[in-house]
Each structure stands twice: as C-alpha cells, then as structure tokens.
C-alpha cells in the first residue's frame, strides 16, 4: 500500500483498527530500518571479538605481544566511556537515520583500516592500524547499541515494540557468537589471516550501503502509535537530569567498564581469577543490599546514584573475569563452548529471576515515598528488591564455600614449558605456586 511521501505502508492488524482510523500508520519500511540496525550491531560485534578466538596466530603473524592483542578488544570498553555520552547526544540531536548511517560508516571504515597491514605489502607498525581500526569500530558500537529502543518507539506500533527491541538488541550477542565460530573456521594458518579480515569487511560494507540507500528519514511521516505521537525529546542535559533511572543506568555502565578494565589488567598480571570473582561478587552483593534499602528511602538520589556506581564497579567488572575462569576450569573444552554456555545459562537465569521479581510487585496503596517513583501509581518493589538482595548474598556465600577448581589451562601451559627457569617466576608460574589446590596436583 502506498504511503505518504511515496513510502511503503501496511495497515495495522485488526486489533489496532482504531489506531489506523485515528491517523496512526505502521510503515513496512520500518522492517528495513530494523534490518540495517540489526546487521550493523551484528557486524560490529564480530569486529570486536574477531581476533580473540585465533589470538595466537594473530600474535605470531603481526609480531604482537599478548598484551597488545588484548588491547584490540579492550579498546572497545575504553572508548565506550566517553563516546557513550556523546552517542546519546547524537541520537537526540541529528536523529536516528543519520546516527545509524554515521555508525555504519565508522564500522566500515574501521574494518578497512584494521585490514590494511594484510592488504598493503610492507606496512610498518601493523599494531597502529589494528588498534586504530578497532578504535573507530568502537565509536560505532555506542551509536548502534542505543538505537533499538529508539527505533522501536518511533517506528513500531505498541504490539510490536518489544519484539523490535529484542531483535535489534540480540543481534549484538549473535555477532559475538558468529565471531567465535567463524574466525577459527577461516584461520587455520597465518596465510589465512587476510581472508578473515576481508570476510569481516563484507557485512560492514553491505550495512553501510543499505544505511545510505534505504534509510530515508529518522521518523515516519505518520506516527505508528499514540506513544510515538505524544513522545517528546527533551534536550540532552535536561533529559539526563529528569530521567534519574537513566542516569543510574549510565553510572552503572560507566563504572562497570572502569572496573572491568582495572580488574582485567590486574588478573592478567596475577592470574588470581578465583579470588577476583569471589571478592567482586561479595562486594556486588553488599552493593545490592544497599540498593534494596536505599531505593525505599525518600530523597536519597545522591546516595542511590553512588550505590548504582558501586554495583556496576564490582558486579559488571566480574563478568569478563568469570568468563575467563569458566575457560580455565573447563579446559580442554573449547573457549567458545565454555563462555557460550555461561552466557546462555546466565541469560536464562536472568529471565527467570526477572519474571519472579516482577510477579511479586504490587501497586502502592498510598502515595510512595520511594526515591524511584514516576508519579503514576508506581509499583512497590520492596519485596522483590529484598528478595534479589537475599539471592545475591546466598549465591555469593555458596560460591565462596563450594567453588574450588584448579586452573587447568594454566597448568597445561606450565607443563608444556618445562624450560622456564625458577628464578624468572613469571606471573603464570607464581599463580600456580600460590594455589594450594594446584600444588597438590601430580
């Protein structure tokens, strides 16, 4: 069906007939927009972690140290701290279409730059090109990560918003899965590295082409729902001040990334995986208890923001170390398999806990005094929050008491290097010496 401005449109289903008659319209090209954002998110995630599954081969080919190689993925976390705030402003200022096109361009440009050491013979300092390309791709990440929710709100009717947001958001972990599976398939020897780098350029280039040719406007000519029609976009700073929940979420992410960087560097040097995970989760549990209590108090916005920062710093930072620990204790099971199972089981557990906690909420019988309130008959989250805090404490205690494992991968690497001198005592050997359960191994 032809729509305004020559666009495609489709009528809403029978259940939304009243919204169509009232002047609301869902355009078929919204699915093209969603396809572009999903492809961009997936491509960006593959570029982020494409080196990790074949780290040894990449390091030998480009003469890189493992610390340099780690920075090719770590740079995404570092860049996301300042660029995340800028990305929010870009989305609100220049619109979804141009923000997506800019993200697609940066993603494509970064994929090309990081491939130059393999494409141009005699390229000096390959690490500069690799890190530079990854940094540009990291700039694109924040633009695409924040886009699905805005796209769903502006282009999709109310009965499709959650689905659209889910598709756009889950494209990112799908890209991580693709990178873990595809890179080892493409790279068998060092001669295959140019093939891998070139392969990852193709989806980035295709996404940029689609974004340039197929995205015509940031918002549809006619809104798809009452919410989209009545939606207002406040200036960036004003919106950040008003949306306290968004500010707490931003603090959680920013401090979480800082904690992840610090803890990752520490564990790389000391190999204290178990200690880092146990201490981090215990501190995160204490922060969760504090959040459950403070969120019920009136006017404690500063304290609540500080608690969210601590919760992110300790809880979010543990995630990558826990992935590495899963690889260590499950060796020789494949890295992708171990990390993938932890991720999938964690997502499933998260869904179950969220369903449980949401089912325990009730409407306030009288005006709420909670710091977190919206003035529209807010839900009482007291019981769910206390239950969540109790679960965190319980799981942390169980981890502290019951979880003991040898570092199987480090032990295998140490056994494969008998020529290491005792007086050198590298970090790996020191970690093994300080682990009593490893010292007892034959």
Protein backbone atom coordinates (compact mmCIF):
# COMPACT_ATOMS: atom_id res chain seq x y z
CA UNK A 1 0.00 0.00 0.00
CA UNK A 2 1.40 3.39 -0.96
CA UNK A 3 2.03 5.68 1.99
CA UNK A 4 2.87 9.36 2.43
CA UNK A 5 5.99 10.64 0.72
CA UNK A 6 5.96 7.66 -1.61
CA UNK A 7 6.83 5.29 1.25
CA UNK A 8 5.62 1.78 1.85
CA UNK A 9 2.95 1.26 4.46
CA UNK A 10 0.90 -1.56 5.80
CA UNK A 11 -2.30 -1.43 7.83
CA UNK A 12 -2.15 -2.44 11.45
CA UNK A 13 -3.80 -5.71 12.41
CA UNK A 14 -7.47 -5.92 13.31
CA UNK A 15 -6.74 -5.35 16.98
CA UNK A 16 -5.33 -1.91 16.12
CA UNK A 17 -8.04 -0.84 13.69
CA UNK A 18 -8.99 2.09 15.89
CA UNK A 19 -5.44 3.47 15.81
CA UNK A 20 -5.43 3.32 11.97
CA UNK A 21 -8.74 5.18 11.83
CA UNK A 22 -7.36 7.71 14.28
CA UNK A 23 -4.48 8.57 11.94
CA UNK A 24 -1.74 6.18 13.06
CA UNK A 25 0.12 4.12 10.49
CA UNK A 26 2.81 1.45 10.56
CA UNK A 27 5.14 1.61 7.56
CA UNK A 28 6.57 -1.56 6.07
CA UNK A 29 9.96 0.10 5.68
CA UNK A 30 10.31 0.01 9.45
CA UNK A 31 11.49 -3.57 8.97
CA UNK A 32 14.22 -2.34 6.61
CA UNK A 33 15.35 0.09 9.31
CA UNK A 34 15.37 -2.73 11.84
CA UNK A 35 17.32 -4.95 9.41
CA UNK A 36 20.00 -2.28 8.97
CA UNK A 37 20.40 -1.72 12.71
CA UNK A 38 20.47 -5.47 13.39
CA UNK A 39 23.10 -6.10 10.69
CA UNK A 40 25.16 -3.18 11.98
CA UNK A 41 25.03 -4.44 15.56
CA UNK A 42 25.92 -7.98 14.50
CA UNK A 43 28.78 -6.81 12.25
CA UNK A 44 30.17 -4.54 14.94
CA UNK A 45 30.19 -7.37 17.49
CA UNK A 46 32.05 -9.67 15.07
CA UNK A 47 34.69 -6.97 14.53
CA UNK A 48 35.02 -6.52 18.29
CA UNK A 49 35.96 -10.13 19.07
CA UNK A 50 37.15 -11.50 15.74
CA UNK A 51 40.78 -11.66 16.91
CA UNK A 52 40.18 -13.41 20.24
CA UNK A 53 39.44 -16.98 19.01
CA UNK A 54 42.66 -17.02 16.93
CA UNK A 55 44.80 -14.90 19.23
CA UNK A 56 47.96 -16.99 18.97
CA UNK A 57 48.00 -16.98 15.17
CA UNK A 58 47.34 -13.23 15.02
CA UNK A 59 50.13 -12.52 17.52
CA UNK A 60 52.67 -14.56 15.55
CA UNK A 61 51.69 -13.10 12.18
CA UNK A 62 51.88 -9.44 13.25
CA UNK A 63 54.62 -9.95 15.89
CA UNK A 64 52.41 -8.73 18.72
CA UNK A 65 52.64 -9.39 22.43
CA UNK A 66 49.60 -10.86 24.17
CA UNK A 67 49.14 -7.56 26.00
CA UNK A 68 48.90 -5.72 22.67
CA UNK A 69 46.49 -8.34 21.39
CA UNK A 70 44.27 -7.92 24.46
CA UNK A 71 44.01 -4.21 23.76
CA UNK A 72 42.41 -4.93 20.38
CA UNK A 73 39.25 -5.96 22.25
CA UNK A 74 39.77 -3.94 25.42
CA UNK A 75 39.78 -0.70 23.42
CA UNK A 76 36.04 -1.13 22.83
CA UNK A 77 35.43 -0.84 26.57
CA UNK A 78 37.73 2.15 26.96
CA UNK A 79 36.28 4.07 24.01
CA UNK A 80 32.71 3.42 25.13
CA UNK A 81 33.17 5.54 28.27
CA UNK A 82 33.44 8.97 26.60
CA UNK A 83 31.71 8.03 23.35
CA UNK A 84 28.64 6.64 25.11
CA UNK A 85 27.63 10.06 26.41
CA UNK A 86 28.31 11.63 23.01
CA UNK A 87 26.23 8.92 21.30
CA UNK A 88 23.19 9.81 23.43
CA UNK A 89 23.53 13.44 22.33
CA UNK A 90 23.98 12.43 18.68
CA UNK A 91 20.84 10.28 18.67
CA UNK A 92 18.78 13.12 20.16
CA UNK A 93 20.33 15.86 18.03
CA UNK A 94 20.81 14.60 14.47
CA UNK A 95 18.19 11.87 14.50
CA UNK A 96 18.11 8.10 14.20
CA UNK A 97 18.73 7.95 10.44
CA UNK A 98 21.94 9.97 10.41
CA UNK A 99 23.16 8.39 13.65
CA UNK A 100 22.73 4.92 12.11
CA UNK A 101 24.40 5.98 8.86
CA UNK A 102 27.30 7.50 10.79
CA UNK A 103 27.66 4.32 12.83
CA UNK A 104 27.62 2.18 9.67
CA UNK A 105 30.28 4.40 8.08
CA UNK A 106 32.56 4.25 11.13
CA UNK A 107 32.07 0.49 11.33
CA UNK A 108 33.01 0.04 7.66
CA UNK A 109 35.95 2.47 7.87
CA UNK A 110 37.35 0.74 10.93
CA UNK A 111 37.06 -2.70 9.30
CA UNK A 112 39.06 -1.45 6.31
CA UNK A 113 41.77 0.29 8.33
CA UNK A 114 42.42 -2.75 10.52
CA UNK A 115 42.82 -4.88 7.37
CA UNK A 116 45.50 -2.67 5.79
CA UNK A 117 48.51 -4.49 7.32
CA UNK A 118 47.43 -7.61 5.42
CA UNK A 119 46.37 -5.84 2.22
CA UNK A 120 49.28 -3.44 1.74
CA UNK A 121 52.66 -5.13 1.42
CA UNK A 122 55.37 -3.69 3.64
CA UNK A 123 53.04 -1.89 6.05
CA UNK A 124 55.03 -0.60 9.00
CA UNK A 125 53.73 -0.82 12.58
CA UNK A 126 50.72 -3.11 11.99
CA UNK A 127 49.57 -2.67 15.58
CA UNK A 128 48.83 1.01 14.91
CA UNK A 129 46.46 0.09 12.07
CA UNK A 130 44.86 -2.75 14.00
CA UNK A 131 44.28 -0.65 17.12
CA UNK A 132 43.19 2.38 15.08
CA UNK A 133 40.65 0.34 13.13
CA UNK A 134 39.30 -1.26 16.30
CA UNK A 135 39.01 2.18 17.94
CA UNK A 136 36.92 3.51 15.05
CA UNK A 137 34.70 0.44 15.19
CA UNK A 138 34.33 1.06 18.92
CA UNK A 139 32.97 4.54 18.17
CA UNK A 140 30.26 2.91 16.06
CA UNK A 141 29.33 0.49 18.84
CA UNK A 142 27.75 3.05 21.15
CA UNK A 143 25.67 4.51 18.31
CA UNK A 144 24.16 1.15 17.39
CA UNK A 145 23.79 -0.24 20.92
CA UNK A 146 21.48 2.62 21.93
CA UNK A 147 19.40 2.57 18.72
CA UNK A 148 16.96 -0.39 19.00
CA UNK A 149 14.87 1.14 21.79
CA UNK A 150 14.56 4.44 19.94
CA UNK A 151 13.70 2.71 16.66
CA UNK A 152 11.01 0.62 18.36
CA UNK A 153 9.46 3.70 19.96
CA UNK A 154 9.42 5.83 16.80
CA UNK A 155 8.55 3.30 14.07
CA UNK A 156 6.70 0.33 15.57
CA UNK A 157 3.13 0.05 16.90
CA UNK A 158 2.67 -0.81 20.55
CA UNK A 159 2.13 -4.54 19.92
CA UNK A 160 5.50 -4.84 18.11
CA UNK A 161 7.80 -2.59 20.12
CA UNK A 162 9.15 -5.27 22.46
CA UNK A 163 9.79 -7.64 19.55
CA UNK A 164 11.61 -4.99 17.52
CA UNK A 165 13.74 -4.01 20.51
CA UNK A 166 14.57 -7.65 21.20
CA UNK A 167 15.63 -8.32 17.58
CA UNK A 168 17.86 -5.25 17.43
CA UNK A 169 19.40 -5.85 20.85
CA UNK A 170 20.04 -9.59 20.49
CA UNK A 171 21.87 -9.04 17.20
CA UNK A 172 24.90 -7.98 19.23
CA UNK A 173 25.40 -11.24 21.18
CA UNK A 174 24.63 -13.06 17.93
CA UNK A 175 27.61 -11.28 16.39
CA UNK A 176 29.78 -12.40 19.31
CA UNK A 177 28.71 -15.97 18.66
CA UNK A 178 29.46 -15.63 14.93
CA UNK A 179 32.95 -14.29 15.64
CA UNK A 180 33.74 -17.18 17.99
CA UNK A 181 32.62 -19.72 15.40
CA UNK A 182 33.75 -18.09 12.15
CA UNK A 183 37.28 -16.92 13.00
CA UNK A 184 38.62 -20.40 13.85
CA UNK A 185 37.00 -21.77 10.69
CA UNK A 186 38.61 -19.11 8.47
CA UNK A 187 42.06 -19.09 10.10
CA UNK A 188 43.95 -22.37 10.06
CA UNK A 189 47.38 -20.87 9.36
CA UNK A 190 48.89 -17.38 9.24
CA UNK A 191 48.27 -17.24 5.49
CA UNK A 192 44.51 -17.25 6.16
CA UNK A 193 44.50 -14.01 8.18
CA UNK A 194 43.91 -11.73 5.14
CA UNK A 195 40.91 -13.90 4.23
CA UNK A 196 39.46 -13.45 7.72
CA UNK A 197 39.97 -9.69 7.75
CA UNK A 198 38.47 -9.35 4.29
CA UNK A 199 35.49 -11.51 5.19
CA UNK A 200 34.54 -9.23 8.07
CA UNK A 201 34.68 -6.20 5.76
CA UNK A 202 31.84 -7.57 3.60
CA UNK A 203 28.95 -7.31 6.11
CA UNK A 204 30.27 -3.94 7.30
CA UNK A 205 30.29 -2.64 3.73
CA UNK A 206 26.86 -4.09 2.98
CA UNK A 207 25.40 -2.46 6.09
CA UNK A 208 26.85 0.93 5.14
CA UNK A 209 25.40 0.58 1.63
CA UNK A 210 21.95 -0.29 2.98
CA UNK A 211 22.05 2.54 5.52
CA UNK A 212 22.95 5.04 2.81
CA UNK A 213 20.46 3.85 0.20
CA UNK A 214 17.47 2.59 2.20
CA UNK A 215 17.10 4.87 5.22
CA UNK A 216 15.10 7.94 4.19
CA UNK A 217 14.05 9.65 7.41
CA UNK A 218 14.54 9.42 11.16
CA UNK A 219 10.82 9.36 11.97
CA UNK A 220 7.87 8.14 9.90
CA UNK A 221 5.56 10.73 8.27
CA UNK A 222 2.69 9.42 10.37
CA UNK A 223 3.36 8.03 13.87
CA UNK A 224 2.59 4.33 14.45
CA UNK A 225 1.03 4.72 17.91
CA UNK A 226 -0.29 7.14 20.50
CA UNK A 227 3.00 6.86 22.39
CA UNK A 228 5.04 7.80 19.33
CA UNK A 229 2.68 10.71 18.54
CA UNK A 230 2.91 12.10 22.07
CA UNK A 231 6.61 11.39 22.50
CA UNK A 232 8.74 14.44 23.20
CA UNK A 233 12.52 14.62 23.08
CA UNK A 234 13.99 16.88 25.73
CA UNK A 235 17.41 18.49 25.32
CA UNK A 236 20.21 16.15 26.29
CA UNK A 237 21.16 17.65 29.66
CA UNK A 238 17.58 18.34 30.69
CA UNK A 239 16.55 14.81 29.81
CA UNK A 240 19.51 13.36 31.69
CA UNK A 241 18.54 15.29 34.84
CA UNK A 242 14.86 14.29 34.57
CA UNK A 243 15.38 10.63 33.82
CA UNK A 244 17.02 9.62 37.05
CA UNK A 245 16.68 5.93 36.20
CA UNK A 246 18.62 6.53 33.00
CA UNK A 247 21.31 8.39 34.92
CA UNK A 248 21.69 5.49 37.35
CA UNK A 249 21.91 3.07 34.43
CA UNK A 250 24.59 5.22 32.81
CA UNK A 251 26.59 5.34 36.05
CA UNK A 252 26.27 1.57 36.36
CA UNK A 253 27.70 1.05 32.87
CA UNK A 254 30.46 3.67 33.08
CA UNK A 255 31.78 2.50 36.46
CA UNK A 256 31.31 -1.11 35.37
CA UNK A 257 33.55 -0.56 32.36
CA UNK A 258 36.15 1.16 34.54
CA UNK A 259 36.05 -1.75 36.98
CA UNK A 260 36.30 -4.27 34.16
CA UNK A 261 39.38 -2.55 32.73
CA UNK A 262 41.11 -2.35 36.12
CA UNK A 263 40.25 -5.88 37.17
CA UNK A 264 41.17 -7.30 33.76
CA UNK A 265 44.63 -5.75 33.90
CA UNK A 266 45.10 -6.96 37.48
CA UNK A 267 44.08 -10.55 36.71
CA UNK A 268 46.23 -10.63 33.57
CA UNK A 269 49.27 -9.94 35.75
CA UNK A 270 48.44 -12.03 38.81
CA UNK A 271 46.20 -14.84 37.45
CA UNK A 272 44.06 -14.61 40.60
CA UNK A 273 40.83 -15.49 38.79
CA UNK A 274 39.04 -17.19 41.69
CA UNK A 275 39.95 -14.51 44.23
CA UNK A 276 38.85 -11.72 41.90
CA UNK A 277 35.50 -13.34 41.14
CA UNK A 278 34.71 -14.23 44.75
CA UNK A 279 35.65 -10.84 46.19
CA UNK A 280 33.96 -8.97 43.35
CA UNK A 281 30.68 -10.86 43.73
CA UNK A 282 30.68 -10.46 47.50
CA UNK A 283 31.15 -6.70 47.20
CA UNK A 284 28.49 -6.59 44.48
CA UNK A 285 26.12 -8.43 46.82
CA UNK A 286 26.71 -5.84 49.53
CA UNK A 287 26.01 -3.09 46.99
CA UNK A 288 22.81 -4.91 46.01
CA UNK A 289 21.69 -4.99 49.65
CA UNK A 290 22.43 -1.27 49.92
CA UNK A 291 20.41 -0.62 46.75
CA UNK A 292 17.44 -2.59 48.10
CA UNK A 293 17.44 -0.47 51.26
CA UNK A 294 18.26 2.98 49.84
CA UNK A 295 15.75 2.71 46.97
CA UNK A 296 12.95 2.63 49.57
CA UNK A 297 14.05 5.87 51.23
CA UNK A 298 12.87 9.34 50.30
CA UNK A 299 15.12 11.94 48.71
CA UNK A 300 18.30 9.84 48.65
CA UNK A 301 19.12 10.43 44.99
CA UNK A 302 22.83 11.09 45.53
CA UNK A 303 23.27 8.02 47.72
CA UNK A 304 21.29 5.87 45.28
CA UNK A 305 23.42 7.08 42.37
CA UNK A 306 26.58 6.23 44.37
CA UNK A 307 25.23 2.76 45.18
CA UNK A 308 24.46 2.14 41.48
CA UNK A 309 28.02 3.18 40.63
CA UNK A 310 29.44 0.72 43.18
CA UNK A 311 27.11 -2.02 41.99
CA UNK A 312 28.37 -1.54 38.45
CA UNK A 313 32.01 -1.23 39.50
CA UNK A 314 32.01 -4.53 41.38
CA UNK A 315 29.29 -6.54 39.62
CA UNK A 316 29.80 -5.59 35.98
CA UNK A 317 33.57 -5.86 36.28
CA UNK A 318 33.39 -9.51 37.32
CA UNK A 319 31.64 -10.66 34.12
CA UNK A 320 34.69 -10.91 31.78
CA UNK A 321 36.82 -12.45 34.55
CA UNK A 322 34.12 -15.03 35.21
CA UNK A 323 34.18 -15.92 31.51
CA UNK A 324 37.94 -16.45 31.69
CA UNK A 325 37.53 -18.52 34.85
CA UNK A 326 34.98 -20.70 33.07
CA UNK A 327 37.54 -21.34 30.34
CA UNK A 328 40.25 -22.11 32.91
CA UNK A 329 38.23 -24.63 34.92
CA UNK A 330 36.68 -26.38 31.90
CA UNK A 331 39.88 -26.78 29.84
CA UNK A 332 40.35 -28.55 27.41
CA UNK A 333 36.74 -27.79 26.45
CA UNK A 334 36.73 -25.13 23.71
CA UNK A 335 36.80 -21.48 24.81
CA UNK A 336 33.75 -20.60 22.75
CA UNK A 337 31.79 -23.51 24.20
CA UNK A 338 32.65 -22.68 27.82
CA UNK A 339 31.98 -18.95 27.53
CA UNK A 340 28.88 -19.55 25.42
CA UNK A 341 27.34 -21.90 27.96
CA UNK A 342 27.99 -19.43 30.79
CA UNK A 343 26.40 -16.64 28.75
CA UNK A 344 23.33 -18.65 27.74
CA UNK A 345 22.74 -20.02 31.25
CA UNK A 346 23.19 -16.54 32.71
CA UNK A 347 20.63 -15.11 30.29
CA UNK A 348 18.17 -17.88 31.15
CA UNK A 349 18.67 -17.31 34.86
CA UNK A 350 18.18 -13.58 34.36
CA UNK A 351 14.87 -14.13 32.59
CA UNK A 352 13.61 -16.42 35.37
CA UNK A 353 14.64 -14.00 38.11
CA UNK A 354 13.06 -11.02 36.34
CA UNK A 355 9.78 -12.89 35.85
CA UNK A 356 9.81 -13.91 39.51
CA UNK A 357 10.59 -10.43 40.80
CA UNK A 358 8.04 -8.74 38.55
CA UNK A 359 5.32 -11.14 39.68
CA UNK A 360 5.94 -10.09 43.30
CA UNK A 361 5.33 -6.38 42.70
CA UNK A 362 2.12 -4.71 43.89
CA UNK A 363 0.61 -1.28 43.42
CA UNK A 364 1.16 1.22 46.21
CA UNK A 365 -2.00 1.57 48.30
CA UNK A 366 -0.96 5.13 49.16
CA UNK A 367 1.50 7.69 47.72
CA UNK A 368 5.02 6.29 47.54
CA UNK A 369 7.95 7.80 49.42
CA UNK A 370 10.45 5.86 47.33
CA UNK A 371 13.28 7.68 45.59
CA UNK A 372 12.38 5.72 42.44
CA UNK A 373 8.89 6.87 41.53
CA UNK A 374 7.17 8.20 38.41
CA UNK A 375 4.09 9.84 39.87
CA UNK A 376 1.69 7.47 38.09
CA UNK A 377 0.79 4.88 40.68
CA UNK A 378 4.22 3.26 40.92
CA UNK A 379 4.74 -0.38 41.73
CA UNK A 380 6.04 -1.36 45.14
CA UNK A 381 9.36 -3.15 44.57
CA UNK A 382 10.24 -3.53 48.25
CA UNK A 383 9.71 -7.30 48.45
CA UNK A 384 11.32 -8.07 45.04
CA UNK A 385 14.36 -5.93 45.86
CA UNK A 386 14.87 -7.56 49.24
CA UNK A 387 14.48 -10.97 47.61
CA UNK A 388 17.02 -10.02 44.96
CA UNK A 389 19.47 -8.88 47.62
CA UNK A 390 18.93 -12.14 49.52
CA UNK A 391 19.54 -14.21 46.39
CA UNK A 392 22.76 -12.31 45.67
CA UNK A 393 24.03 -12.90 49.20
CA UNK A 394 23.03 -16.58 49.08
CA UNK A 395 24.71 -17.25 45.73
CA UNK A 396 27.85 -15.38 46.82
CA UNK A 397 28.08 -17.43 50.01
CA UNK A 398 27.64 -20.66 48.07
CA UNK A 399 30.36 -19.58 45.65
CA UNK A 400 32.74 -18.72 48.48
CA UNK A 401 32.23 -22.04 50.27
CA UNK A 402 31.73 -24.56 47.46
CA UNK A 403 33.62 -23.31 44.41
CA UNK A 404 37.20 -24.59 44.23
CA UNK A 405 38.86 -25.50 40.97
CA UNK A 406 42.34 -25.89 39.51
CA UNK A 407 43.48 -23.61 36.72
CA UNK A 408 43.59 -26.38 34.13
CA UNK A 409 44.63 -24.24 31.18
CA UNK A 410 47.46 -22.54 33.09
CA UNK A 411 48.60 -25.92 34.37
CA UNK A 412 48.67 -27.29 30.81
CA UNK A 413 50.67 -24.29 29.62
CA UNK A 414 53.13 -24.66 32.51
CA UNK A 415 53.57 -28.37 31.81
CA UNK A 416 54.26 -27.57 28.16
CA UNK A 417 57.07 -25.16 29.11
CA UNK A 418 59.49 -27.13 31.34
CA UNK A 419 62.41 -24.94 30.34
CA UNK A 420 61.20 -21.96 32.35
CA UNK A 421 63.85 -21.03 34.90
CA UNK A 422 62.86 -21.00 38.57
CA UNK A 423 64.37 -17.58 39.22
CA UNK A 424 62.31 -15.94 36.46
CA UNK A 425 58.98 -16.89 38.11
CA UNK A 426 56.56 -15.41 35.58
CA UNK A 427 53.01 -14.48 36.60
CA UNK A 428 51.60 -17.81 35.45
CA UNK A 429 54.08 -19.87 37.50
CA UNK A 430 53.63 -17.61 40.52
CA UNK A 431 49.87 -18.04 40.34
CA UNK A 432 50.25 -21.80 40.20
CA UNK A 433 52.63 -21.82 43.14
CA UNK A 434 50.21 -19.77 45.25
CA UNK A 435 47.25 -22.02 44.51
CA UNK A 436 47.27 -24.86 47.09
CA UNK A 437 44.89 -26.99 45.10
CA UNK A 438 47.29 -26.79 42.17
CA UNK A 439 50.33 -27.52 44.30
CA UNK A 440 48.73 -30.79 45.29
CA UNK A 441 48.25 -31.87 41.68
CA UNK A 442 50.64 -34.54 40.33
